[in-house]
N, C-alpha and C. Protein backbone atom coordinates (compact mmCIF):
# COMPACT_ATOMS: atom_id res chain seq x y z
N UNK A 1 1.29 -1.64 -0.03
CA UNK A 1 -0.18 -0.08 -0.51
C UNK A 1 0.79 1.23 -0.08
N UNK A 2 0.56 1.79 -1.04
CA UNK A 2 1.35 3.50 -0.81
C UNK A 2 0.83 3.92 0.27
N UNK A 3 2.58 4.83 0.51
CA UNK A 3 1.64 6.16 2.22
C UNK A 3 1.81 7.29 0.95
N UNK A 4 0.73 8.24 2.02
CA UNK A 4 -0.29 9.59 0.98
C UNK A 4 1.29 10.69 1.06
N UNK A 5 3.06 9.85 2.19
CA UNK A 5 3.48 11.08 2.57
C UNK A 5 4.37 11.34 0.95
N UNK A 6 4.58 9.50 0.79
CA UNK A 6 5.33 9.34 -0.31
C UNK A 6 4.75 9.84 -2.11
N UNK A 7 3.27 9.85 -1.88
CA UNK A 7 3.16 10.63 -2.96
C UNK A 7 2.58 11.80 -2.92
N UNK A 8 2.18 12.18 -1.47
CA UNK A 8 3.10 14.03 -1.19
C UNK A 8 4.41 14.30 -2.05
N UNK A 9 5.55 14.08 -1.42
CA UNK A 9 6.65 14.32 -1.80
C UNK A 9 6.21 13.69 -3.02
N UNK A 10 6.35 12.52 -3.88
CA UNK A 10 6.41 12.85 -5.42
C UNK A 10 6.48 14.05 -5.73
N UNK A 11 5.01 14.19 -5.74
CA UNK A 11 3.91 15.38 -6.56
C UNK A 11 4.06 17.47 -6.09
N UNK A 12 5.07 17.53 -5.07
CA UNK A 12 6.06 18.82 -4.48
C UNK A 12 7.01 18.73 -5.51
N UNK A 13 7.87 17.22 -5.14
CA UNK A 13 8.81 17.60 -6.29
C UNK A 13 9.41 17.69 -7.92
N UNK A 14 8.04 17.65 -8.63
CA UNK A 14 7.79 17.27 -8.99
C UNK A 14 7.00 18.95 -9.42
N UNK A 15 6.56 19.40 -8.83
CA UNK A 15 5.75 21.22 -9.02
C UNK A 15 6.62 21.66 -8.58
N UNK A 16 7.79 21.36 -8.11
CA UNK A 16 9.74 21.90 -8.24
C UNK A 16 10.04 21.72 -9.04
N UNK A 17 9.99 20.96 -9.51
CA UNK A 17 10.50 20.10 -10.93
C UNK A 17 10.01 21.18 -11.68
N UNK A 18 8.73 21.43 -11.78
CA UNK A 18 8.26 22.30 -12.81
C UNK A 18 8.28 23.86 -13.24
N UNK A 19 8.53 23.95 -11.09
CA UNK A 19 8.68 25.88 -11.40
C UNK A 19 10.08 26.16 -11.32
N UNK A 20 11.65 25.41 -11.15
CA UNK A 20 12.61 26.02 -12.12
C UNK A 20 12.90 25.68 -13.25
N UNK A 21 12.31 24.63 -14.03
CA UNK A 21 13.12 25.40 -15.67
C UNK A 21 11.69 26.20 -15.74
N UNK A 22 10.97 25.97 -15.44
CA UNK A 22 10.51 27.85 -16.08
C UNK A 22 10.76 28.92 -15.85
N UNK A 23 11.37 28.92 -14.30
CA UNK A 23 12.68 29.64 -13.85
C UNK A 23 13.65 30.35 -14.57
N UNK A 24 14.52 29.20 -14.94
CA UNK A 24 15.78 28.72 -15.98
C UNK A 24 15.08 29.38 -16.85
N UNK A 25 14.26 28.99 -17.68
CA UNK A 25 13.17 29.77 -19.32
C UNK A 25 13.68 31.10 -18.85
N UNK A 26 13.32 31.56 -17.91
CA UNK A 26 13.08 33.17 -17.28
C UNK A 26 14.33 34.08 -17.07
N UNK A 27 15.01 32.81 -16.59
CA UNK A 27 15.98 33.56 -16.78
C UNK A 27 17.81 33.97 -18.18
N UNK A 28 17.59 35.29 -16.93
CA UNK A 28 18.33 36.58 -17.97
C UNK A 28 19.80 35.55 -18.21
N UNK A 29 20.16 35.84 -19.93
CA UNK A 29 20.77 34.93 -19.79
C UNK A 29 22.73 35.08 -20.27
N UNK A 30 23.28 34.21 -18.90
CA UNK A 30 24.82 35.07 -18.07
C UNK A 30 24.41 35.42 -16.60
N UNK A 31 23.00 34.90 -16.14
CA UNK A 31 23.08 35.19 -14.57
C UNK A 31 22.80 33.94 -14.16
N UNK A 32 23.19 33.84 -13.26
CA UNK A 32 23.34 33.07 -11.94
C UNK A 32 22.82 31.82 -11.77
N UNK A 33 21.30 32.07 -12.38
CA UNK A 33 20.16 31.02 -12.23
C UNK A 33 20.01 30.68 -13.83
N UNK A 34 20.60 30.74 -14.65
CA UNK A 34 21.16 29.78 -15.70
C UNK A 34 21.79 28.82 -15.35
N UNK A 35 23.19 29.35 -14.96
CA UNK A 35 23.63 28.66 -15.06
C UNK A 35 23.82 27.42 -13.78
N UNK A 36 23.31 27.25 -12.65
CA UNK A 36 23.49 26.73 -11.88
C UNK A 36 21.71 25.95 -12.21
N UNK A 37 20.64 27.02 -12.23
CA UNK A 37 19.81 25.63 -12.04
C UNK A 37 19.46 24.33 -12.43
N UNK A 38 20.05 23.65 -14.56
CA UNK A 38 20.26 22.45 -14.87
C UNK A 38 20.74 21.61 -13.45
N UNK A 39 21.79 21.87 -12.75
CA UNK A 39 22.87 21.05 -11.44
C UNK A 39 21.51 20.95 -10.37
N UNK A 40 19.84 21.31 -9.85
CA UNK A 40 19.28 21.42 -9.11
C UNK A 40 18.03 21.29 -9.77
N UNK A 41 17.84 21.27 -11.27
CA UNK A 41 16.24 20.00 -12.03
C UNK A 41 17.92 18.92 -11.36
N UNK A 42 17.90 18.21 -12.47
CA UNK A 42 19.20 17.17 -12.30
C UNK A 42 18.80 16.80 -10.55
N UNK A 43 18.98 17.12 -9.89
CA UNK A 43 19.16 16.67 -7.98
C UNK A 43 17.64 16.44 -8.05
N UNK A 44 16.81 16.67 -8.80
CA UNK A 44 15.19 17.27 -8.03
C UNK A 44 14.79 15.95 -9.10
N UNK A 45 15.47 15.76 -10.30
CA UNK A 45 15.48 14.70 -11.14
C UNK A 45 16.17 12.48 -10.45
N UNK A 46 16.90 13.27 -9.88
CA UNK A 46 17.81 12.57 -8.92
C UNK A 46 16.69 11.91 -7.93
N UNK A 47 16.05 13.50 -7.37
CA UNK A 47 14.77 12.34 -6.16
C UNK A 47 13.76 11.68 -6.70
N UNK A 48 12.91 12.67 -7.90
CA UNK A 48 12.17 11.36 -7.94
C UNK A 48 12.21 10.04 -8.78
N UNK A 49 13.57 10.13 -9.31
CA UNK A 49 13.32 8.31 -9.57
C UNK A 49 13.98 7.74 -8.70
N UNK A 50 14.83 8.46 -7.60
CA UNK A 50 14.29 7.35 -6.67
C UNK A 50 13.02 7.11 -5.26
N UNK A 51 12.54 8.15 -5.55
CA UNK A 51 11.34 8.31 -5.04
C UNK A 51 9.97 6.72 -5.33
N UNK A 52 9.85 7.45 -7.05
CA UNK A 52 8.95 7.44 -7.62
C UNK A 52 8.26 5.36 -7.59
N UNK A 53 9.83 4.81 -7.82
CA UNK A 53 9.49 3.00 -7.85
C UNK A 53 8.50 2.89 -7.01
N UNK A 54 8.78 3.31 -6.45
CA UNK A 54 8.67 3.18 -4.72
C UNK A 54 6.86 3.60 -4.28
N UNK A 55 6.75 4.61 -5.38
CA UNK A 55 5.34 4.91 -5.18
C UNK A 55 4.09 3.64 -6.61
N UNK A 56 4.76 3.69 -7.37
CA UNK A 56 4.38 2.99 -8.31
C UNK A 56 4.04 1.68 -8.60
N UNK A 57 5.84 0.57 -7.56
CA UNK A 57 5.59 -0.64 -8.10
C UNK A 57 6.15 -0.44 -6.25
N UNK A 58 4.78 -0.55 -5.00
CA UNK A 58 5.53 -0.66 -3.35
C UNK A 58 5.75 -2.29 -3.01
N UNK A 59 5.97 -3.50 -4.13
CA UNK A 59 6.48 -4.70 -3.51
C UNK A 59 7.08 -5.47 -4.37
N UNK A 60 7.73 -4.16 -5.31
CA UNK A 60 8.56 -5.00 -6.18
C UNK A 60 10.07 -4.18 -5.83
N UNK A 61 10.32 -5.10 -4.80
CA UNK A 61 11.79 -4.76 -4.37
C UNK A 61 12.84 -4.70 -5.52
N UNK A 62 13.74 -5.00 -6.43
CA UNK A 62 14.58 -5.10 -7.03
C UNK A 62 14.07 -3.30 -7.83
N UNK A 63 12.80 -3.02 -8.62
CA UNK A 63 13.20 -2.68 -9.08
C UNK A 63 13.30 -1.09 -7.78
N UNK A 64 12.64 -0.93 -6.86
CA UNK A 64 13.76 -0.28 -5.28
C UNK A 64 14.72 0.24 -5.60
N UNK A 65 15.40 -0.98 -5.56
CA UNK A 65 16.88 -0.90 -5.23
C UNK A 65 17.75 -0.42 -6.49
N UNK A 66 16.64 -0.76 -8.06
CA UNK A 66 17.64 -0.22 -8.81
C UNK A 66 17.20 1.43 -9.10
N UNK A 67 16.52 1.89 -8.54
CA UNK A 67 16.14 3.95 -8.59
C UNK A 67 16.55 4.14 -7.03
N UNK A 68 16.81 3.25 -6.48
CA UNK A 68 17.74 4.24 -5.78
C UNK A 68 19.54 3.61 -6.00
N UNK A 69 19.55 3.15 -7.15
CA UNK A 69 21.78 3.09 -7.37
C UNK A 69 21.52 4.43 -8.36
N UNK A 70 20.28 4.28 -9.36
CA UNK A 70 20.05 5.52 -10.62
C UNK A 70 19.74 6.89 -9.86
N UNK A 71 18.97 7.43 -8.55
CA UNK A 71 19.12 7.73 -7.77
C UNK A 71 20.26 8.55 -7.38
N UNK A 72 21.56 7.27 -6.84
CA UNK A 72 22.61 7.54 -6.55
C UNK A 72 23.58 8.49 -7.30
N UNK A 73 23.13 7.38 -8.46
CA UNK A 73 24.50 7.75 -10.12
C UNK A 73 24.00 9.01 -9.90
N UNK A 74 22.61 9.49 -10.28
CA UNK A 74 22.13 10.71 -10.65
C UNK A 74 23.31 12.01 -10.21
N UNK A 75 22.80 10.98 -8.13
CA UNK A 75 22.93 12.88 -7.89
C UNK A 75 25.06 12.83 -8.07
N UNK A 76 25.10 12.08 -7.92
CA UNK A 76 26.91 12.46 -7.72
C UNK A 76 27.93 12.81 -9.07
N UNK A 77 26.61 12.20 -10.49
CA UNK A 77 27.14 13.26 -11.81
C UNK A 77 26.61 14.81 -11.19
N UNK A 78 24.93 15.09 -10.60
CA UNK A 78 25.01 16.29 -10.89
C UNK A 78 26.23 17.62 -9.76
N UNK A 79 26.66 16.49 -8.91
CA UNK A 79 27.25 17.26 -8.34
C UNK A 79 29.07 17.34 -8.68
N UNK A 80 29.40 16.44 -9.89
CA UNK A 80 30.36 16.36 -10.04
C UNK A 80 29.97 18.12 -11.13
N UNK A 81 29.47 17.30 -11.98
CA UNK A 81 28.77 19.02 -13.03
C UNK A 81 28.31 20.03 -12.26
N UNK A 82 28.17 20.56 -11.39
CA UNK A 82 27.70 21.91 -10.40
C UNK A 82 29.89 22.21 -9.79
N UNK A 83 30.54 21.10 -9.14
CA UNK A 83 31.70 21.17 -8.85
C UNK A 83 32.16 22.34 -10.07
N UNK A 84 31.85 21.78 -10.63
CA UNK A 84 32.82 21.40 -11.61
C UNK A 84 33.02 23.45 -12.04
N UNK A 85 30.82 23.62 -12.97
CA UNK A 85 31.33 24.88 -12.94
C UNK A 85 31.46 25.65 -12.46
N UNK A 86 31.53 26.06 -11.45
CA UNK A 86 31.26 26.57 -9.97
C UNK A 86 33.17 26.75 -10.04
N UNK A 87 33.72 26.00 -10.15
CA UNK A 87 35.44 26.19 -10.02
C UNK A 87 35.26 27.00 -11.64
N UNK A 88 35.46 26.31 -12.82
CA UNK A 88 35.08 26.99 -14.01
C UNK A 88 34.53 28.78 -13.09
N UNK A 89 33.11 29.08 -13.16
CA UNK A 89 33.08 30.60 -12.45
C UNK A 89 34.03 30.95 -11.45
N UNK A 90 33.88 30.70 -10.57
CA UNK A 90 35.15 31.44 -10.40
C UNK A 90 36.42 31.15 -11.11
N UNK A 91 37.37 30.66 -11.83
CA UNK A 91 38.13 31.43 -12.32
C UNK A 91 37.75 32.85 -13.43
N UNK A 92 37.07 32.29 -14.21
CA UNK A 92 36.48 33.20 -14.62
C UNK A 92 36.27 34.51 -14.47
N UNK A 93 36.08 34.32 -13.54
CA UNK A 93 35.77 35.63 -12.72
C UNK A 93 36.53 36.98 -12.97
N UNK A 94 36.08 38.10 -12.98
CA UNK A 94 37.40 39.73 -13.19
C UNK A 94 37.45 39.54 -11.47
N UNK A 95 38.80 40.26 -11.08
CA UNK A 95 39.06 40.43 -9.75
C UNK A 95 39.36 41.96 -9.12
């Protein structure tokens, strides 16, 4: 049986992802929001990938494990890309 907390979390993260994609679309070119919003969106997608198998298939353990593994891989990829962009932004900054 699916808990209502998990469904509420999926809805919240999905709405947050929609808001962030709209905000990224509306951001000025070259702004910090335009630069770092894709990493935040990727982290939201990673959270959704980790939670959705628990909501859709509550009894399938292998699918839950696969979703958690993919979620961890996406989170690590988002962190690596975010740190690289941050270092590049600080190295290109004029003093």
